[in-house]
Amino acid sequence: MRSLGARQISAWIGPHICGGCYEVPQAMWDDVVARHPAAASTTSWGTPALDLGAGVAAQLAQEGVASERVEVCTFESADHHSYRRDGLAAGRLAAFIWLE
């Protein structure tokens, strides 16, 4: 976006599975955390997990991009779709980008 002339860039990190629920294998945790330490988390039951929102927010901040996070865990909220919670019956989410 900067190469296209954008000077003020901001991001909105929408609802996503939280670090307390996003359990991952230890090898995946090791790989991701080695590159993105802010994503390190542990599930509420004590297993390796990733906090995707924190990881993305840290990367955006490193690039000087302001971000806002919606702190809704899609796994815990019945109002949001979650493949981890509902499997194939889950609805789908979408992402979008726009320029002003």
C-alpha atoms as a PDB file:
ATOM      1  CA  MET A   1       0.000   0.000   0.000  1.00  0.00           C
ATOM      2  CA  ARG A   2       2.857   2.360   0.752  1.00  0.00           C
ATOM      3  CA  SER A   3       4.242   1.753  -2.732  1.00  0.00           C
ATOM      4  CA  LEU A   4       0.916   3.068  -4.030  1.00  0.00           C
ATOM      5  CA  GLY A   5       1.325   6.286  -2.023  1.00  0.00           C
ATOM      6  CA  ALA A   6      -0.609   5.482   1.138  1.00  0.00           C
ATOM      7  CA  ARG A   7       0.627   7.546   4.090  1.00  0.00           C
ATOM      8  CA  GLN A   8      -1.960   6.841   6.767  1.00  0.00           C
ATOM      9  CA  ILE A   9      -2.612   3.142   7.069  1.00  0.00           C
ATOM     10  CA  SER A  10      -4.765   1.636   9.788  1.00  0.00           C
ATOM     11  CA  ALA A  11      -6.047  -1.863  10.376  1.00  0.00           C
ATOM     12  CA  TRP A  12      -8.983  -3.438  12.124  1.00  0.00           C
ATOM     13  CA  ILE A  13      -8.404  -6.893  13.564  1.00  0.00           C
ATOM     14  CA  GLY A  14     -11.824  -8.475  13.651  1.00  0.00           C
ATOM     15  CA  PRO A  15     -13.242 -11.367  15.639  1.00  0.00           C
ATOM     16  CA  HIS A  16     -11.001 -14.433  15.710  1.00  0.00           C
ATOM     17  CA  ILE A  17     -10.241 -17.416  17.889  1.00  0.00           C
ATOM     18  CA  CYS A  18      -8.428 -16.238  21.019  1.00  0.00           C
ATOM     19  CA  GLY A  19      -5.094 -17.401  22.363  1.00  0.00           C
ATOM     20  CA  GLY A  20      -6.832 -19.222  25.185  1.00  0.00           C
ATOM     21  CA  CYS A  21      -8.655 -21.464  22.694  1.00  0.00           C
ATOM     22  CA  TYR A  22      -6.376 -21.798  19.643  1.00  0.00           C
ATOM     23  CA  GLU A  23      -4.524 -24.989  20.499  1.00  0.00           C
ATOM     24  CA  VAL A  24      -1.724 -25.958  18.125  1.00  0.00           C
ATOM     25  CA  PRO A  25       0.907 -28.717  18.030  1.00  0.00           C
ATOM     26  CA  GLN A  26       4.127 -27.894  19.894  1.00  0.00           C
ATOM     27  CA  ALA A  27       6.167 -27.934  16.663  1.00  0.00           C
ATOM     28  CA  MET A  28       3.865 -25.340  15.070  1.00  0.00           C
ATOM     29  CA  TRP A  29       3.994 -23.217  18.223  1.00  0.00           C
ATOM     30  CA  ASP A  30       7.806 -23.347  18.215  1.00  0.00           C
ATOM     31  CA  ASP A  31       7.975 -22.333  14.545  1.00  0.00           C
ATOM     32  CA  VAL A  32       5.510 -19.441  14.796  1.00  0.00           C
ATOM     33  CA  VAL A  33       6.801 -18.078  18.108  1.00  0.00           C
ATOM     34  CA  ALA A  34      10.395 -18.115  16.811  1.00  0.00           C
ATOM     35  CA  ARG A  35       9.269 -15.656  14.119  1.00  0.00           C
ATOM     36  CA  HIS A  36       6.476 -13.841  15.965  1.00  0.00           C
ATOM     37  CA  PRO A  37       6.996 -13.937  19.761  1.00  0.00           C
ATOM     38  CA  ALA A  38       3.905 -11.825  20.468  1.00  0.00           C
ATOM     39  CA  ALA A  39       1.726 -14.701  19.209  1.00  0.00           C
ATOM     40  CA  ALA A  40       2.827 -17.006  22.050  1.00  0.00           C
ATOM     41  CA  SER A  41      -0.039 -18.209  24.194  1.00  0.00           C
ATOM     42  CA  THR A  42      -1.298 -21.124  26.238  1.00  0.00           C
ATOM     43  CA  THR A  43      -4.816 -22.538  26.172  1.00  0.00           C
ATOM     44  CA  SER A  44      -6.977 -22.235  29.240  1.00  0.00           C
ATOM     45  CA  TRP A  45      -6.314 -25.962  29.774  1.00  0.00           C
ATOM     46  CA  GLY A  46      -2.508 -25.519  29.601  1.00  0.00           C
ATOM     47  CA  THR A  47      -1.484 -26.628  26.099  1.00  0.00           C
ATOM     48  CA  PRO A  48       0.472 -24.686  23.431  1.00  0.00           C
ATOM     49  CA  ALA A  49      -1.630 -22.044  21.693  1.00  0.00           C
ATOM     50  CA  LEU A  50      -1.295 -19.041  19.424  1.00  0.00           C
ATOM     51  CA  ASP A  51      -2.808 -15.603  19.899  1.00  0.00           C
ATOM     52  CA  LEU A  52      -3.328 -14.593  16.281  1.00  0.00           C
ATOM     53  CA  GLY A  53      -4.651 -11.137  17.147  1.00  0.00           C
ATOM     54  CA  ALA A  54      -1.634 -10.284  19.282  1.00  0.00           C
ATOM     55  CA  GLY A  55       0.740 -11.591  16.637  1.00  0.00           C
ATOM     56  CA  VAL A  56      -0.882  -9.570  13.867  1.00  0.00           C
ATOM     57  CA  ALA A  57      -1.099  -6.434  16.036  1.00  0.00           C
ATOM     58  CA  ALA A  58       2.626  -6.685  16.839  1.00  0.00           C
ATOM     59  CA  GLN A  59       3.527  -7.057  13.164  1.00  0.00           C
ATOM     60  CA  LEU A  60       1.377  -4.070  12.233  1.00  0.00           C
ATOM     61  CA  ALA A  61       2.908  -1.959  15.015  1.00  0.00           C
ATOM     62  CA  GLN A  62       6.391  -2.912  13.818  1.00  0.00           C
ATOM     63  CA  GLU A  63       5.453  -1.478  10.417  1.00  0.00           C
ATOM     64  CA  GLY A  64       4.034   1.692  11.971  1.00  0.00           C
ATOM     65  CA  VAL A  65       0.428   0.740  11.259  1.00  0.00           C
ATOM     66  CA  ALA A  66      -2.171   1.670  13.859  1.00  0.00           C
ATOM     67  CA  SER A  67      -4.624  -1.116  14.619  1.00  0.00           C
ATOM     68  CA  GLU A  68      -7.763  -1.723  16.605  1.00  0.00           C
ATOM     69  CA  ARG A  69      -8.764  -5.152  17.862  1.00  0.00           C
ATOM     70  CA  VAL A  70     -12.212  -6.552  18.408  1.00  0.00           C
ATOM     71  CA  GLU A  71     -11.763  -8.816  21.411  1.00  0.00           C
ATOM     72  CA  VAL A  72     -14.355 -11.449  20.519  1.00  0.00           C
ATOM     73  CA  CYS A  73     -13.332 -15.105  20.506  1.00  0.00           C
ATOM     74  CA  THR A  74     -15.170 -16.828  17.686  1.00  0.00           C
ATOM     75  CA  PHE A  75     -14.743 -20.214  19.385  1.00  0.00           C
ATOM     76  CA  GLU A  76     -16.401 -18.998  22.591  1.00  0.00           C
ATOM     77  CA  SER A  77     -19.087 -16.795  21.032  1.00  0.00           C
ATOM     78  CA  ALA A  78     -22.198 -18.508  19.698  1.00  0.00           C
ATOM     79  CA  ASP A  79     -22.843 -15.318  17.685  1.00  0.00           C
ATOM     80  CA  HIS A  80     -19.800 -15.956  15.481  1.00  0.00           C
ATOM     81  CA  HIS A  81     -18.766 -18.729  13.097  1.00  0.00           C
ATOM     82  CA  SER A  82     -16.051 -21.127  14.253  1.00  0.00           C
ATOM     83  CA  TYR A  83     -14.773 -24.070  12.259  1.00  0.00           C
ATOM     84  CA  ARG A  84     -12.913 -25.335  15.327  1.00  0.00           C
ATOM     85  CA  ARG A  85     -16.141 -25.339  17.318  1.00  0.00           C
ATOM     86  CA  ASP A  86     -18.681 -26.396  14.666  1.00  0.00           C
ATOM     87  CA  GLY A  87     -16.670 -28.295  12.047  1.00  0.00           C
ATOM     88  CA  LEU A  88     -18.114 -28.443   8.540  1.00  0.00           C
ATOM     89  CA  ALA A  89     -21.414 -26.977   9.776  1.00  0.00           C
ATOM     90  CA  ALA A  90     -19.686 -23.660  10.517  1.00  0.00           C
ATOM     91  CA  GLY A  91     -20.497 -20.607   8.425  1.00  0.00           C
ATOM     92  CA  ARG A  92     -17.755 -18.573   6.799  1.00  0.00           C
ATOM     93  CA  LEU A  93     -16.081 -15.232   7.458  1.00  0.00           C
ATOM     94  CA  ALA A  94     -14.736 -12.767   4.926  1.00  0.00           C
ATOM     95  CA  ALA A  95     -12.058 -10.082   4.893  1.00  0.00           C
ATOM     96  CA  PHE A  96     -11.817  -6.905   2.864  1.00  0.00           C
ATOM     97  CA  ILE A  97      -9.500  -3.991   2.155  1.00  0.00           C
ATOM     98  CA  TRP A  98     -10.379  -0.585   0.762  1.00  0.00           C
ATOM     99  CA  LEU A  99      -8.594   2.634  -0.149  1.00  0.00           C
ATOM    100  CA  GLU A 100      -9.963   6.086   0.505  1.00  0.00           C
END
